[in-house]
Amino acid sequence: MHSSVEQLDLLSEIEGVVRDSPKGSDRLLAKHGKSETVRGLFREPLLHFLIAGALIFVLGTLFDRSTNTGINGNRIRVAAPEIQRLREVWTRQWGHAPDSKQMKNLVDDYIREEVLYREARASGLEKDDTIIRRRLVEKMEFLSQELASTAPSEEELQEYFQQNREKFRSPEQIAFSHIYFSTSKRGPTSEKDARSVLTSLSSGAIPSTSVSSLGDSFMLQSEYPLQTQQQIKELFGDEFAGKLFLVDSAAWAGPIRSGYGFHLVRISQKLPSRIPELAEVRNQVLTDFQNRRLQVASQAFYDRVRKRYQVEIDKSALSAPESPRSIPTNPGTPGTLSPDID
């Protein structure tokens, strides 16, 4: 089988022989006893061109058939590397090498898959299949990111952390206790009852050992370890979380309203926001570093291959109002395609 370059070279040589070898034509005519008039006609450049074109067409057709048969046609070659791959896949899955019968079944399955795959490709079944398109795009994304998936050096990780320290800042946290007053049980007196209990706690009229008996039972906890504002917001609501983080004193404060009712609160511990050391958030930094590098690699790959394509967008269709049921007045006339110039 000839390569495309060899085919072009061969065709050029054939064309040159027909064009530049009138003596060979003379011998051919003399052999069949042709007249001088016919011999003169055969020397005409136009005839040489037609003969060369016919030869190029015929030989090109033959080369195309030969190439298609070898690459995309009916020839399926199950070579040693593919057989070894099938054997290794089986071994990894089942823990032992396949016997001769199992190996034959693996090869038969591979051939079946290859035949159906080629028939599907020949029928164009992959062209309008969204799932196949997405799968191929995912493969290209994976290939573009493969080289960027190696582990970073300690210097690279440290440099990335220093450049993005604020990204890893730990938020302020609060640990607190609360006494709950239910609006569903107490109605409009719930806030007043909470203020009355707060007055008694502040004056020392109620001992701290009796705090658990005050207020109403709460479906969640009465004491919470260190929590971020976002975590408290998810449990009690935005208003409660915001006001809780404004409490400075370690004494009982409130009442603060939540979605459940009113609460008296006491802060037991408060940690300010801070930037941790790399060792404390190493795994988080490593994950973030690798994700960022994959994104950069993927975008760089896309930018490079995107330059090979000239994109045209139907601007009129893009700017037209949405009308799913509308029918164009002239369906045979496509919209004007405008180049998408970056």
C-alpha atoms as a PDB file:
ATOM      1  CA  MET A   1       0.000   0.000   0.000  1.00  0.00           C
ATOM      2  CA  HIS A   2       1.383   3.403  -0.981  1.00  0.00           C
ATOM      3  CA  SER A   3       1.290   6.487   1.171  1.00  0.00           C
ATOM      4  CA  SER A   4      -0.560   9.538  -0.128  1.00  0.00           C
ATOM      5  CA  VAL A   5       2.773  11.227  -0.948  1.00  0.00           C
ATOM      6  CA  GLU A   6       3.963   8.180  -2.886  1.00  0.00           C
ATOM      7  CA  GLN A   7       0.649   8.082  -4.757  1.00  0.00           C
ATOM      8  CA  LEU A   8       1.003  11.707  -5.823  1.00  0.00           C
ATOM      9  CA  ASP A   9       4.608  11.125  -6.911  1.00  0.00           C
ATOM     10  CA  LEU A  10       3.611   8.085  -8.944  1.00  0.00           C
ATOM     11  CA  LEU A  11       0.747   9.908 -10.643  1.00  0.00           C
ATOM     12  CA  SER A  12       3.044  12.820 -11.476  1.00  0.00           C
ATOM     13  CA  GLU A  13       5.490  10.422 -13.076  1.00  0.00           C
ATOM     14  CA  ILE A  14       2.727   8.812 -15.150  1.00  0.00           C
ATOM     15  CA  GLU A  15       1.492  12.215 -16.307  1.00  0.00           C
ATOM     16  CA  GLY A  16       5.052  13.169 -17.254  1.00  0.00           C
ATOM     17  CA  VAL A  17       5.549  10.011 -19.292  1.00  0.00           C
ATOM     18  CA  VAL A  18       2.368  10.629 -21.280  1.00  0.00           C
ATOM     19  CA  ARG A  19       3.189  14.303 -21.757  1.00  0.00           C
ATOM     20  CA  ASP A  20       6.900  14.068 -22.548  1.00  0.00           C
ATOM     21  CA  SER A  21       7.274  10.816 -24.478  1.00  0.00           C
ATOM     22  CA  PRO A  22       5.974  11.262 -28.042  1.00  0.00           C
ATOM     23  CA  LYS A  23       8.500   8.647 -29.206  1.00  0.00           C
ATOM     24  CA  GLY A  24       6.772   6.034 -27.115  1.00  0.00           C
ATOM     25  CA  SER A  25       3.495   7.043 -28.752  1.00  0.00           C
ATOM     26  CA  ASP A  26       5.081   6.759 -32.173  1.00  0.00           C
ATOM     27  CA  ARG A  27       6.155   3.194 -31.502  1.00  0.00           C
ATOM     28  CA  LEU A  28       2.683   2.297 -30.324  1.00  0.00           C
ATOM     29  CA  LEU A  29       1.105   3.716 -33.514  1.00  0.00           C
ATOM     30  CA  ALA A  30       3.644   2.090 -35.806  1.00  0.00           C
ATOM     31  CA  LYS A  31       2.930  -1.283 -34.268  1.00  0.00           C
ATOM     32  CA  HIS A  32      -0.727  -1.013 -35.273  1.00  0.00           C
ATOM     33  CA  GLY A  33      -0.073   0.572 -38.667  1.00  0.00           C
ATOM     34  CA  LYS A  34      -1.747   3.914 -38.025  1.00  0.00           C
ATOM     35  CA  SER A  35      -1.601   6.699 -40.563  1.00  0.00           C
ATOM     36  CA  GLU A  36       0.437   9.884 -40.320  1.00  0.00           C
ATOM     37  CA  THR A  37      -2.738  11.870 -39.602  1.00  0.00           C
ATOM     38  CA  VAL A  38      -3.598   9.807 -36.585  1.00  0.00           C
ATOM     39  CA  ARG A  39       0.027   9.974 -35.477  1.00  0.00           C
ATOM     40  CA  GLY A  40      -0.167  13.763 -35.573  1.00  0.00           C
ATOM     41  CA  LEU A  41      -3.391  13.757 -33.588  1.00  0.00           C
ATOM     42  CA  PHE A  42      -1.801  11.620 -30.915  1.00  0.00           C
ATOM     43  CA  ARG A  43       0.949  14.216 -30.498  1.00  0.00           C
ATOM     44  CA  GLU A  44      -1.620  16.913 -29.597  1.00  0.00           C
ATOM     45  CA  PRO A  45      -1.093  18.306 -26.020  1.00  0.00           C
ATOM     46  CA  LEU A  46      -4.865  18.258 -25.380  1.00  0.00           C
ATOM     47  CA  LEU A  47      -4.970  14.524 -25.967  1.00  0.00           C
ATOM     48  CA  HIS A  48      -2.010  14.062 -23.639  1.00  0.00           C
ATOM     49  CA  PHE A  49      -3.893  15.996 -20.961  1.00  0.00           C
ATOM     50  CA  LEU A  50      -7.039  13.897 -21.376  1.00  0.00           C
ATOM     51  CA  ILE A  51      -5.113  10.635 -21.183  1.00  0.00           C
ATOM     52  CA  ALA A  52      -3.224  11.812 -18.097  1.00  0.00           C
ATOM     53  CA  GLY A  53      -6.486  12.867 -16.432  1.00  0.00           C
ATOM     54  CA  ALA A  54      -8.071   9.505 -17.154  1.00  0.00           C
ATOM     55  CA  LEU A  55      -5.070   7.669 -15.732  1.00  0.00           C
ATOM     56  CA  ILE A  56      -5.077   9.822 -12.608  1.00  0.00           C
ATOM     57  CA  PHE A  57      -8.801   9.187 -12.116  1.00  0.00           C
ATOM     58  CA  VAL A  58      -8.500   5.429 -12.536  1.00  0.00           C
ATOM     59  CA  LEU A  59      -5.402   5.048 -10.401  1.00  0.00           C
ATOM     60  CA  GLY A  60      -6.803   7.400  -7.748  1.00  0.00           C
ATOM     61  CA  THR A  61      -9.936   5.283  -7.514  1.00  0.00           C
ATOM     62  CA  LEU A  62      -7.847   2.144  -7.137  1.00  0.00           C
ATOM     63  CA  PHE A  63      -5.696   3.738  -4.463  1.00  0.00           C
ATOM     64  CA  ASP A  64      -8.783   4.934  -2.562  1.00  0.00           C
ATOM     65  CA  ARG A  65     -10.270   1.467  -2.579  1.00  0.00           C
ATOM     66  CA  SER A  66      -6.993  -0.039  -1.428  1.00  0.00           C
ATOM     67  CA  THR A  67      -6.614   2.528   1.365  1.00  0.00           C
ATOM     68  CA  ASN A  68     -10.187   2.195   2.580  1.00  0.00           C
ATOM     69  CA  THR A  69      -9.896  -1.556   2.680  1.00  0.00           C
ATOM     70  CA  GLY A  70      -6.740  -1.399   4.745  1.00  0.00           C
ATOM     71  CA  ILE A  71      -7.710   1.334   7.170  1.00  0.00           C
ATOM     72  CA  ASN A  72     -11.440   1.986   7.298  1.00  0.00           C
ATOM     73  CA  GLY A  73     -12.810  -0.829   5.182  1.00  0.00           C
ATOM     74  CA  ASN A  74     -13.401  -4.509   5.791  1.00  0.00           C
ATOM     75  CA  ARG A  75     -10.018  -5.504   7.150  1.00  0.00           C
ATOM     76  CA  ILE A  76      -9.835  -6.024  10.913  1.00  0.00           C
ATOM     77  CA  ARG A  77      -6.433  -6.992  12.245  1.00  0.00           C
ATOM     78  CA  VAL A  78      -6.298  -8.262  15.827  1.00  0.00           C
ATOM     79  CA  ALA A  79      -2.598  -7.749  16.456  1.00  0.00           C
ATOM     80  CA  ALA A  80      -0.458  -8.966  19.344  1.00  0.00           C
ATOM     81  CA  PRO A  81      -0.708  -5.711  21.384  1.00  0.00           C
ATOM     82  CA  GLU A  82      -4.507  -5.846  21.281  1.00  0.00           C
ATOM     83  CA  ILE A  83      -4.550  -9.509  22.284  1.00  0.00           C
ATOM     84  CA  GLN A  84      -2.209  -8.738  25.161  1.00  0.00           C
ATOM     85  CA  ARG A  85      -4.463  -5.873  26.258  1.00  0.00           C
ATOM     86  CA  LEU A  86      -7.504  -8.155  26.266  1.00  0.00           C
ATOM     87  CA  ARG A  87      -5.583 -10.727  28.289  1.00  0.00           C
ATOM     88  CA  GLU A  88      -4.455  -8.130  30.855  1.00  0.00           C
ATOM     89  CA  VAL A  89      -7.966  -6.707  31.271  1.00  0.00           C
ATOM     90  CA  TRP A  90      -9.324 -10.189  31.947  1.00  0.00           C
ATOM     91  CA  THR A  91      -6.528 -10.927  34.425  1.00  0.00           C
ATOM     92  CA  ARG A  92      -7.127  -7.709  36.377  1.00  0.00           C
ATOM     93  CA  GLN A  93     -10.841  -8.408  36.569  1.00  0.00           C
ATOM     94  CA  TRP A  94     -10.767 -12.118  37.470  1.00  0.00           C
ATOM     95  CA  GLY A  95      -7.380 -12.558  39.121  1.00  0.00           C
ATOM     96  CA  HIS A  96      -6.092 -15.177  36.685  1.00  0.00           C
ATOM     97  CA  ALA A  97      -5.147 -15.404  33.010  1.00  0.00           C
ATOM     98  CA  PRO A  98      -7.839 -16.563  30.564  1.00  0.00           C
ATOM     99  CA  ASP A  99      -7.662 -20.045  29.112  1.00  0.00           C
ATOM    100  CA  SER A 100      -7.758 -20.694  25.350  1.00  0.00           C
ATOM    101  CA  LYS A 101     -11.570 -20.803  25.189  1.00  0.00           C
ATOM    102  CA  GLN A 102     -11.960 -17.632  27.198  1.00  0.00           C
ATOM    103  CA  MET A 103      -9.320 -15.936  25.065  1.00  0.00           C
ATOM    104  CA  LYS A 104     -11.197 -16.915  21.905  1.00  0.00           C
ATOM    105  CA  ASN A 105     -14.386 -15.438  23.349  1.00  0.00           C
ATOM    106  CA  LEU A 106     -12.557 -12.214  24.192  1.00  0.00           C
ATOM    107  CA  VAL A 107     -11.263 -11.927  20.625  1.00  0.00           C
ATOM    108  CA  ASP A 108     -14.700 -12.735  19.185  1.00  0.00           C
ATOM    109  CA  ASP A 109     -16.255 -10.042  21.370  1.00  0.00           C
ATOM    110  CA  TYR A 110     -13.604  -7.556  20.282  1.00  0.00           C
ATOM    111  CA  ILE A 111     -14.235  -8.342  16.600  1.00  0.00           C
ATOM    112  CA  ARG A 112     -17.993  -8.004  17.110  1.00  0.00           C
ATOM    113  CA  GLU A 113     -17.519  -4.646  18.784  1.00  0.00           C
ATOM    114  CA  GLU A 114     -15.167  -3.456  16.035  1.00  0.00           C
ATOM    115  CA  VAL A 115     -17.537  -4.551  13.251  1.00  0.00           C
ATOM    116  CA  LEU A 116     -20.542  -2.830  14.802  1.00  0.00           C
ATOM    117  CA  TYR A 117     -18.468   0.252  15.617  1.00  0.00           C
ATOM    118  CA  ARG A 118     -17.311   0.592  12.015  1.00  0.00           C
ATOM    119  CA  GLU A 119     -20.805   0.042  10.672  1.00  0.00           C
ATOM    120  CA  ALA A 120     -22.138   2.704  13.039  1.00  0.00           C
ATOM    121  CA  ARG A 121     -19.420   5.118  11.923  1.00  0.00           C
ATOM    122  CA  ALA A 122     -20.113   4.320   8.253  1.00  0.00           C
ATOM    123  CA  SER A 123     -23.801   5.016   8.827  1.00  0.00           C
ATOM    124  CA  GLY A 124     -23.036   8.325  10.529  1.00  0.00           C
ATOM    125  CA  LEU A 125     -24.821   7.318  13.720  1.00  0.00           C
ATOM    126  CA  GLU A 126     -22.389   9.250  15.889  1.00  0.00           C
ATOM    127  CA  LYS A 127     -22.932  12.593  14.198  1.00  0.00           C
ATOM    128  CA  ASP A 128     -26.125  13.700  15.948  1.00  0.00           C
ATOM    129  CA  ASP A 129     -25.734  11.752  19.184  1.00  0.00           C
ATOM    130  CA  THR A 130     -25.325  14.148  22.110  1.00  0.00           C
ATOM    131  CA  ILE A 131     -24.017  11.443  24.433  1.00  0.00           C
ATOM    132  CA  ILE A 132     -21.283  10.425  21.988  1.00  0.00           C
ATOM    133  CA  ARG A 133     -20.337  14.068  21.412  1.00  0.00           C
ATOM    134  CA  ARG A 134     -20.017  14.658  25.130  1.00  0.00           C
ATOM    135  CA  ARG A 135     -18.013  11.479  25.602  1.00  0.00           C
ATOM    136  CA  LEU A 136     -15.552  12.491  22.881  1.00  0.00           C
ATOM    137  CA  VAL A 137     -15.282  15.992  24.346  1.00  0.00           C
ATOM    138  CA  GLU A 138     -14.580  14.470  27.773  1.00  0.00           C
ATOM    139  CA  LYS A 139     -11.821  12.337  26.246  1.00  0.00           C
ATOM    140  CA  MET A 140     -10.214  15.376  24.642  1.00  0.00           C
ATOM    141  CA  GLU A 141     -10.449  17.259  27.931  1.00  0.00           C
ATOM    142  CA  PHE A 142      -8.828  14.316  29.689  1.00  0.00           C
ATOM    143  CA  LEU A 143      -5.996  14.139  27.164  1.00  0.00           C
ATOM    144  CA  SER A 144      -5.391  17.871  27.452  1.00  0.00           C
ATOM    145  CA  GLN A 145      -5.132  17.585  31.241  1.00  0.00           C
ATOM    146  CA  GLU A 146      -3.122  14.380  31.474  1.00  0.00           C
ATOM    147  CA  LEU A 147       0.302  16.003  31.570  1.00  0.00           C
ATOM    148  CA  ALA A 148      -0.882  18.518  34.164  1.00  0.00           C
ATOM    149  CA  SER A 149      -2.005  15.839  36.628  1.00  0.00           C
ATOM    150  CA  THR A 150       1.450  15.143  38.063  1.00  0.00           C
ATOM    151  CA  ALA A 151       2.028  15.921  41.733  1.00  0.00           C
ATOM    152  CA  PRO A 152       3.525  19.375  42.417  1.00  0.00           C
ATOM    153  CA  SER A 153       6.848  19.860  44.122  1.00  0.00           C
ATOM    154  CA  GLU A 154       7.019  21.222  47.654  1.00  0.00           C
ATOM    155  CA  GLU A 155       8.245  24.545  46.292  1.00  0.00           C
ATOM    156  CA  GLU A 156       5.340  24.810  43.850  1.00  0.00           C
ATOM    157  CA  LEU A 157       2.819  24.021  46.568  1.00  0.00           C
ATOM    158  CA  GLN A 158       4.326  26.539  48.978  1.00  0.00           C
ATOM    159  CA  GLU A 159       4.408  29.238  46.302  1.00  0.00           C
ATOM    160  CA  TYR A 160       0.778  28.588  45.380  1.00  0.00           C
ATOM    161  CA  PHE A 161      -0.259  28.782  49.026  1.00  0.00           C
ATOM    162  CA  GLN A 162       1.545  32.087  49.533  1.00  0.00           C
ATOM    163  CA  GLN A 163      -0.121  33.574  46.444  1.00  0.00           C
ATOM    164  CA  ASN A 164      -3.588  32.438  47.560  1.00  0.00           C
ATOM    165  CA  ARG A 165      -3.441  32.723  51.349  1.00  0.00           C
ATOM    166  CA  GLU A 166      -6.738  34.572  51.657  1.00  0.00           C
ATOM    167  CA  LYS A 167      -8.470  31.746  49.846  1.00  0.00           C
ATOM    168  CA  PHE A 168      -7.684  29.399  52.740  1.00  0.00           C
ATOM    169  CA  ARG A 169      -8.546  31.776  55.567  1.00  0.00           C
ATOM    170  CA  SER A 170     -10.577  30.046  58.270  1.00  0.00           C
ATOM    171  CA  PRO A 171     -13.756  31.975  59.217  1.00  0.00           C
ATOM    172  CA  GLU A 172     -14.627  33.186  62.712  1.00  0.00           C
ATOM    173  CA  GLN A 173     -16.169  30.478  64.923  1.00  0.00           C
ATOM    174  CA  ILE A 174     -18.314  30.522  68.041  1.00  0.00           C
ATOM    175  CA  ALA A 175     -19.253  27.912  70.639  1.00  0.00           C
ATOM    176  CA  PHE A 176     -22.417  28.746  72.576  1.00  0.00           C
ATOM    177  CA  SER A 177     -25.281  27.599  74.783  1.00  0.00           C
ATOM    178  CA  HIS A 178     -28.876  28.763  74.503  1.00  0.00           C
ATOM    179  CA  ILE A 179     -32.191  28.705  76.348  1.00  0.00           C
ATOM    180  CA  TYR A 180     -35.186  28.333  74.083  1.00  0.00           C
ATOM    181  CA  PHE A 181     -38.595  29.976  74.370  1.00  0.00           C
ATOM    182  CA  SER A 182     -41.172  28.554  71.975  1.00  0.00           C
ATOM    183  CA  THR A 183     -43.543  30.917  70.196  1.00  0.00           C
ATOM    184  CA  SER A 184     -45.831  28.012  69.363  1.00  0.00           C
ATOM    185  CA  LYS A 185     -46.234  27.160  73.066  1.00  0.00           C
ATOM    186  CA  ARG A 186     -46.051  30.609  74.688  1.00  0.00           C
ATOM    187  CA  GLY A 187     -47.531  32.702  71.899  1.00  0.00           C
ATOM    188  CA  PRO A 188     -47.014  36.493  72.253  1.00  0.00           C
ATOM    189  CA  THR A 189     -45.470  36.148  75.745  1.00  0.00           C
ATOM    190  CA  SER A 190     -42.433  34.180  74.557  1.00  0.00           C
ATOM    191  CA  GLU A 191     -40.152  37.219  74.146  1.00  0.00           C
ATOM    192  CA  LYS A 192     -41.333  38.745  77.427  1.00  0.00           C
ATOM    193  CA  ASP A 193     -40.693  35.454  79.255  1.00  0.00           C
ATOM    194  CA  ALA A 194     -37.185  35.319  77.775  1.00  0.00           C
ATOM    195  CA  ARG A 195     -36.395  38.858  78.999  1.00  0.00           C
ATOM    196  CA  SER A 196     -37.676  38.012  82.482  1.00  0.00           C
ATOM    197  CA  VAL A 197     -35.411  34.955  82.703  1.00  0.00           C
ATOM    198  CA  LEU A 198     -32.455  37.009  81.412  1.00  0.00           C
ATOM    199  CA  THR A 199     -32.988  39.551  84.213  1.00  0.00           C
ATOM    200  CA  SER A 200     -32.974  36.787  86.808  1.00  0.00           C
ATOM    201  CA  LEU A 201     -29.810  35.219  85.353  1.00  0.00           C
ATOM    202  CA  SER A 202     -28.004  38.564  85.258  1.00  0.00           C
ATOM    203  CA  SER A 203     -28.890  39.334  88.898  1.00  0.00           C
ATOM    204  CA  GLY A 204     -27.813  35.914  90.096  1.00  0.00           C
ATOM    205  CA  ALA A 205     -31.301  35.057  91.294  1.00  0.00           C
ATOM    206  CA  ILE A 206     -31.151  31.824  89.309  1.00  0.00           C
ATOM    207  CA  PRO A 207     -28.126  29.569  89.947  1.00  0.00           C
ATOM    208  CA  SER A 208     -26.240  28.314  86.900  1.00  0.00           C
ATOM    209  CA  THR A 209     -27.022  24.723  87.867  1.00  0.00           C
ATOM    210  CA  SER A 210     -30.719  25.353  87.205  1.00  0.00           C
ATOM    211  CA  VAL A 211     -30.263  26.714  83.649  1.00  0.00           C
ATOM    212  CA  SER A 212     -31.186  23.389  82.014  1.00  0.00           C
ATOM    213  CA  SER A 213     -34.665  23.566  83.550  1.00  0.00           C
ATOM    214  CA  LEU A 214     -35.398  27.023  82.145  1.00  0.00           C
ATOM    215  CA  GLY A 215     -37.205  27.659  78.908  1.00  0.00           C
ATOM    216  CA  ASP A 216     -38.746  25.004  76.675  1.00  0.00           C
ATOM    217  CA  SER A 217     -37.406  21.752  75.264  1.00  0.00           C
ATOM    218  CA  PHE A 218     -35.608  22.165  71.956  1.00  0.00           C
ATOM    219  CA  MET A 219     -35.544  19.590  69.170  1.00  0.00           C
ATOM    220  CA  LEU A 220     -31.830  20.167  68.510  1.00  0.00           C
ATOM    221  CA  GLN A 221     -28.930  20.770  70.907  1.00  0.00           C
ATOM    222  CA  SER A 222     -28.815  23.192  73.793  1.00  0.00           C
ATOM    223  CA  GLU A 223     -25.013  23.514  73.565  1.00  0.00           C
ATOM    224  CA  TYR A 224     -22.976  23.826  70.385  1.00  0.00           C
ATOM    225  CA  PRO A 225     -19.236  23.418  69.839  1.00  0.00           C
ATOM    226  CA  LEU A 226     -17.329  25.812  67.582  1.00  0.00           C
ATOM    227  CA  GLN A 227     -19.464  26.717  64.567  1.00  0.00           C
ATOM    228  CA  THR A 228     -18.997  29.108  61.659  1.00  0.00           C
ATOM    229  CA  GLN A 229     -21.612  31.742  60.925  1.00  0.00           C
ATOM    230  CA  GLN A 230     -22.692  29.779  57.858  1.00  0.00           C
ATOM    231  CA  GLN A 231     -23.197  26.608  59.912  1.00  0.00           C
ATOM    232  CA  ILE A 232     -25.295  28.468  62.500  1.00  0.00           C
ATOM    233  CA  LYS A 233     -27.274  30.160  59.743  1.00  0.00           C
ATOM    234  CA  GLU A 234     -28.192  26.772  58.312  1.00  0.00           C
ATOM    235  CA  LEU A 235     -29.554  25.686  61.729  1.00  0.00           C
ATOM    236  CA  PHE A 236     -31.187  28.842  63.103  1.00  0.00           C
ATOM    237  CA  GLY A 237     -31.534  31.261  60.211  1.00  0.00           C
ATOM    238  CA  ASP A 238     -29.722  34.352  58.976  1.00  0.00           C
ATOM    239  CA  GLU A 239     -31.031  36.809  61.608  1.00  0.00           C
ATOM    240  CA  PHE A 240     -30.048  34.622  64.561  1.00  0.00           C
ATOM    241  CA  ALA A 241     -26.554  33.880  63.170  1.00  0.00           C
ATOM    242  CA  GLY A 242     -25.853  37.538  62.429  1.00  0.00           C
ATOM    243  CA  LYS A 243     -26.844  38.770  65.877  1.00  0.00           C
ATOM    244  CA  LEU A 244     -25.078  35.910  67.659  1.00  0.00           C
ATOM    245  CA  PHE A 245     -21.730  36.906  66.147  1.00  0.00           C
ATOM    246  CA  LEU A 246     -22.239  40.445  67.437  1.00  0.00           C
ATOM    247  CA  VAL A 247     -22.373  39.253  71.060  1.00  0.00           C
ATOM    248  CA  ASP A 248     -19.076  40.112  72.803  1.00  0.00           C
ATOM    249  CA  SER A 249     -19.788  39.208  76.417  1.00  0.00           C
ATOM    250  CA  ALA A 250     -19.452  35.738  77.893  1.00  0.00           C
ATOM    251  CA  ALA A 251     -22.564  36.426  80.007  1.00  0.00           C
ATOM    252  CA  TRP A 252     -26.092  35.505  78.999  1.00  0.00           C
ATOM    253  CA  ALA A 253     -27.482  37.815  76.293  1.00  0.00           C
ATOM    254  CA  GLY A 254     -30.572  38.152  74.154  1.00  0.00           C
ATOM    255  CA  PRO A 255     -33.246  37.411  73.445  1.00  0.00           C
ATOM    256  CA  ILE A 256     -32.415  36.644  69.792  1.00  0.00           C
ATOM    257  CA  ARG A 257     -35.163  35.531  67.442  1.00  0.00           C
ATOM    258  CA  SER A 258     -34.840  32.476  65.196  1.00  0.00           C
ATOM    259  CA  GLY A 259     -37.240  30.536  63.044  1.00  0.00           C
ATOM    260  CA  TYR A 260     -38.180  28.491  66.106  1.00  0.00           C
ATOM    261  CA  GLY A 261     -38.812  31.294  68.623  1.00  0.00           C
ATOM    262  CA  PHE A 262     -36.623  33.331  71.009  1.00  0.00           C
ATOM    263  CA  HIS A 263     -33.280  32.363  72.558  1.00  0.00           C
ATOM    264  CA  LEU A 264     -31.050  33.540  75.374  1.00  0.00           C
ATOM    265  CA  VAL A 265     -27.440  32.844  74.396  1.00  0.00           C
ATOM    266  CA  ARG A 266     -24.088  32.596  76.155  1.00  0.00           C
ATOM    267  CA  ILE A 267     -20.774  32.488  74.271  1.00  0.00           C
ATOM    268  CA  SER A 268     -18.387  29.901  75.694  1.00  0.00           C
ATOM    269  CA  GLN A 269     -15.623  30.249  73.082  1.00  0.00           C
ATOM    270  CA  LYS A 270     -14.859  32.488  70.151  1.00  0.00           C
ATOM    271  CA  LEU A 271     -12.111  32.011  67.590  1.00  0.00           C
ATOM    272  CA  PRO A 272     -11.276  34.938  65.286  1.00  0.00           C
ATOM    273  CA  SER A 273     -10.757  34.516  61.580  1.00  0.00           C
ATOM    274  CA  ARG A 274      -7.162  33.620  60.677  1.00  0.00           C
ATOM    275  CA  ILE A 275      -4.924  32.309  57.926  1.00  0.00           C
ATOM    276  CA  PRO A 276      -3.695  28.815  58.870  1.00  0.00           C
ATOM    277  CA  GLU A 277      -0.264  27.376  58.230  1.00  0.00           C
ATOM    278  CA  LEU A 278       0.240  25.241  55.127  1.00  0.00           C
ATOM    279  CA  ALA A 279       0.547  22.071  57.214  1.00  0.00           C
ATOM    280  CA  GLU A 280      -2.970  22.605  58.597  1.00  0.00           C
ATOM    281  CA  VAL A 281      -4.638  22.831  55.195  1.00  0.00           C
ATOM    282  CA  ARG A 282      -2.163  20.917  53.050  1.00  0.00           C
ATOM    283  CA  ASN A 283      -4.710  18.546  51.501  1.00  0.00           C
ATOM    284  CA  GLN A 284      -7.048  21.409  50.682  1.00  0.00           C
ATOM    285  CA  VAL A 285      -4.223  23.411  49.081  1.00  0.00           C
ATOM    286  CA  LEU A 286      -3.030  20.395  47.108  1.00  0.00           C
ATOM    287  CA  THR A 287      -6.508  19.716  45.734  1.00  0.00           C
ATOM    288  CA  ASP A 288      -7.023  23.343  44.834  1.00  0.00           C
ATOM    289  CA  PHE A 289      -3.591  23.551  43.176  1.00  0.00           C
ATOM    290  CA  GLN A 290      -4.215  20.486  41.020  1.00  0.00           C
ATOM    291  CA  ASN A 291      -7.704  21.627  40.018  1.00  0.00           C
ATOM    292  CA  ARG A 292      -6.367  25.009  39.024  1.00  0.00           C
ATOM    293  CA  ARG A 293      -3.531  23.518  36.988  1.00  0.00           C
ATOM    294  CA  LEU A 294      -5.948  21.202  35.166  1.00  0.00           C
ATOM    295  CA  GLN A 295      -8.177  24.167  34.305  1.00  0.00           C
ATOM    296  CA  VAL A 296      -5.215  26.141  32.962  1.00  0.00           C
ATOM    297  CA  ALA A 297      -3.979  23.190  30.901  1.00  0.00           C
ATOM    298  CA  SER A 298      -7.426  22.530  29.474  1.00  0.00           C
ATOM    299  CA  GLN A 299      -7.948  26.170  28.512  1.00  0.00           C
ATOM    300  CA  ALA A 300      -4.485  26.441  26.964  1.00  0.00           C
ATOM    301  CA  PHE A 301      -5.135  23.336  24.873  1.00  0.00           C
ATOM    302  CA  TYR A 302      -8.495  24.680  23.706  1.00  0.00           C
ATOM    303  CA  ASP A 303      -7.046  28.090  22.847  1.00  0.00           C
ATOM    304  CA  ARG A 304      -4.364  26.422  20.744  1.00  0.00           C
ATOM    305  CA  VAL A 305      -6.671  24.156  18.721  1.00  0.00           C
ATOM    306  CA  ARG A 306      -9.397  26.825  18.485  1.00  0.00           C
ATOM    307  CA  LYS A 307      -7.115  28.853  16.218  1.00  0.00           C
ATOM    308  CA  ARG A 308      -7.388  26.134  13.559  1.00  0.00           C
ATOM    309  CA  TYR A 309     -11.099  26.747  13.049  1.00  0.00           C
ATOM    310  CA  GLN A 310     -13.038  29.504  11.356  1.00  0.00           C
ATOM    311  CA  VAL A 311     -16.397  29.749  13.093  1.00  0.00           C
ATOM    312  CA  GLU A 312     -19.485  31.224  11.491  1.00  0.00           C
ATOM    313  CA  ILE A 313     -22.583  32.029  13.542  1.00  0.00           C
ATOM    314  CA  ASP A 314     -26.051  32.786  12.227  1.00  0.00           C
ATOM    315  CA  LYS A 315     -26.397  36.164  13.916  1.00  0.00           C
ATOM    316  CA  SER A 316     -29.984  36.675  12.767  1.00  0.00           C
ATOM    317  CA  ALA A 317     -31.112  33.398  14.312  1.00  0.00           C
ATOM    318  CA  LEU A 318     -29.178  34.186  17.473  1.00  0.00           C
ATOM    319  CA  SER A 319     -30.838  37.568  17.955  1.00  0.00           C
ATOM    320  CA  ALA A 320     -34.331  36.466  16.879  1.00  0.00           C
ATOM    321  CA  PRO A 321     -37.000  36.305  19.623  1.00  0.00           C
ATOM    322  CA  GLU A 322     -37.786  32.850  20.909  1.00  0.00           C
ATOM    323  CA  SER A 323     -40.684  31.355  18.943  1.00  0.00           C
ATOM    324  CA  PRO A 324     -40.649  27.535  19.006  1.00  0.00           C
ATOM    325  CA  ARG A 325     -43.779  27.157  16.889  1.00  0.00           C
ATOM    326  CA  SER A 326     -42.973  29.780  14.270  1.00  0.00           C
ATOM    327  CA  ILE A 327     -42.253  28.596  10.741  1.00  0.00           C
ATOM    328  CA  PRO A 328     -39.831  30.559   8.525  1.00  0.00           C
ATOM    329  CA  THR A 329     -41.395  32.226   5.499  1.00  0.00           C
ATOM    330  CA  ASN A 330     -38.713  30.728   3.293  1.00  0.00           C
ATOM    331  CA  PRO A 331     -37.303  27.573   4.899  1.00  0.00           C
ATOM    332  CA  GLY A 332     -34.939  26.983   1.992  1.00  0.00           C
ATOM    333  CA  THR A 333     -33.054  30.212   2.608  1.00  0.00           C
ATOM    334  CA  PRO A 334     -30.500  29.902   5.416  1.00  0.00           C
ATOM    335  CA  GLY A 335     -29.716  32.791   7.700  1.00  0.00           C
ATOM    336  CA  THR A 336     -26.706  34.939   7.065  1.00  0.00           C
ATOM    337  CA  LEU A 337     -23.618  33.401   8.614  1.00  0.00           C
ATOM    338  CA  SER A 338     -21.175  35.832  10.133  1.00  0.00           C
ATOM    339  CA  PRO A 339     -17.648  34.885  11.121  1.00  0.00           C
ATOM    340  CA  ASP A 340     -17.059  34.727  14.843  1.00  0.00           C
ATOM    341  CA  ILE A 341     -13.879  36.794  15.134  1.00  0.00           C
ATOM    342  CA  ASP A 342     -12.055  36.521  18.439  1.00  0.00           C
END
